[in-house]
Amino acid sequence: MKIFCSKDALLSGVNAVQRAVSNKNPLPVLQGILIQAENQSLQFAATDLEIGIRCDVPAQVTEEGTMIVPAKLFTEVVRKLPDTTISLEERDQAITICYHQSKIVLNGYDPEEFPLLPDLIEPLSFSLPTMIFKNMIRQTIFSCAAEENRPVFNGILLQIENSTIRLVATDTHRLAYIISEITNSEETKFSGIIPSKTLSEIYRLLRDEDEDLMISYSNNQVVFQFGSIYLVSRLIEGQFPNYKQVIPQTCETKVYLAVREFLDAVERASLLSRDKSSANIVRINVENNELRIDQTTELGKISEQISVEMEGKDVRIAFNAKFLIDALKVIDSERILFELSGPFSPGVMRPSDNPNYIYLVLPVRTS
């Protein structure tokens, strides 16, 4: 195999696939990136057997072939290369990288041992604008669980029904829900739990351009295709909780307030909120069209007042400050409706101009 291409092309290829490289699997070949040269292009591929990514970049191919390069080392080498035409040549699993009058030789792996990324058999497919899906990921993914003891909470529920697409994420302490309209002429239906790692990669790779994202699925796998990227992922097995039962249909108190003002106040109060148990709690009191945050800790005191519009009962309630901050940072609206029903019931945030987004957060019981 022998090819010529630019440093930028090599860099875009390795950057696209490197996050799918396995760091834990005992198979050495999974710590590599497969590079295949054919039809005047290079195809990069990597997989950890749960997620796989392919990407095509332009190249001048003088001899077709396949090689597997050590991912971490090859990526670091490419980043240090000069901005010039680079040649890659593979002979007996040794990869020679030439530039100017210099060369680097890396030991590769046997391509025969690399697992091929699957192409789905008779998949069902639909498409939607990339910007819609990217924004949906941004407004939900932070609510996934970080711990891996209950896999269904490490993913996001993706549902397609009629002309709507829905994402739901929860770690059992909070829940983010968003729904968008799509064109679904074939009335495709789908419901599956996508690993958060997969969707964070989609978010990283999607460009802020008006192009379509194609989503295909069959059995226990889902494929995302956009631009030159092909990403395949397993679905998480298990039963996602019934989110419809969790979202309150009524509330005792409605609070209308400015997102930026509320976010700034919570962030300031949270600076003093770390007590000995490392709980980051903010205590909120709503009465007389005023929302007040009073904090007294070993570090000091803070008192924040925000003018709000309220309907219903006065309420005192406490929340994990991080859970409020995470949501307020991704809400695009200037104002929200914060629905409360006493100190022990969940609070629900809704953007004032977007009925398709809901964020639910459980309160913290304090003495």
Foldseek 3Di string as FASTA:
>chain_A
DKWKDWLVQVLVFLVLWVVQQDPPDPPQLLQWWKWWDDDQWIWIWHHPVFKIKIFIGGIGDPDTDMAIFRNPVVNVVSVPDDGDMWMWDDDPQWIWIDDDNDIDIGHTDDPVPDDDDDDDDPWDKDKFWLVVLLLLLLQFLVAADPDPPDPLSQFWKWWQFQQKIKTWHHPPQKIKIFMDGHDDPVRDTDIFTFGSSQVVSSNVPDDPDGDMWMWIDDDQKIWIDDDRMIMIGGTDDDDDDDVVVQDDPDFQKKKKFFLVLVLVVLVVQQVQQQAPVRQSKWKWKDDPQKIWTWDQYPVGIDIDIGGIDMDGDIEIEMARSVLSNSNSVSDPAGMWIWGHHYHAGWIWIDRPPDNRIIMIGGTDDDD
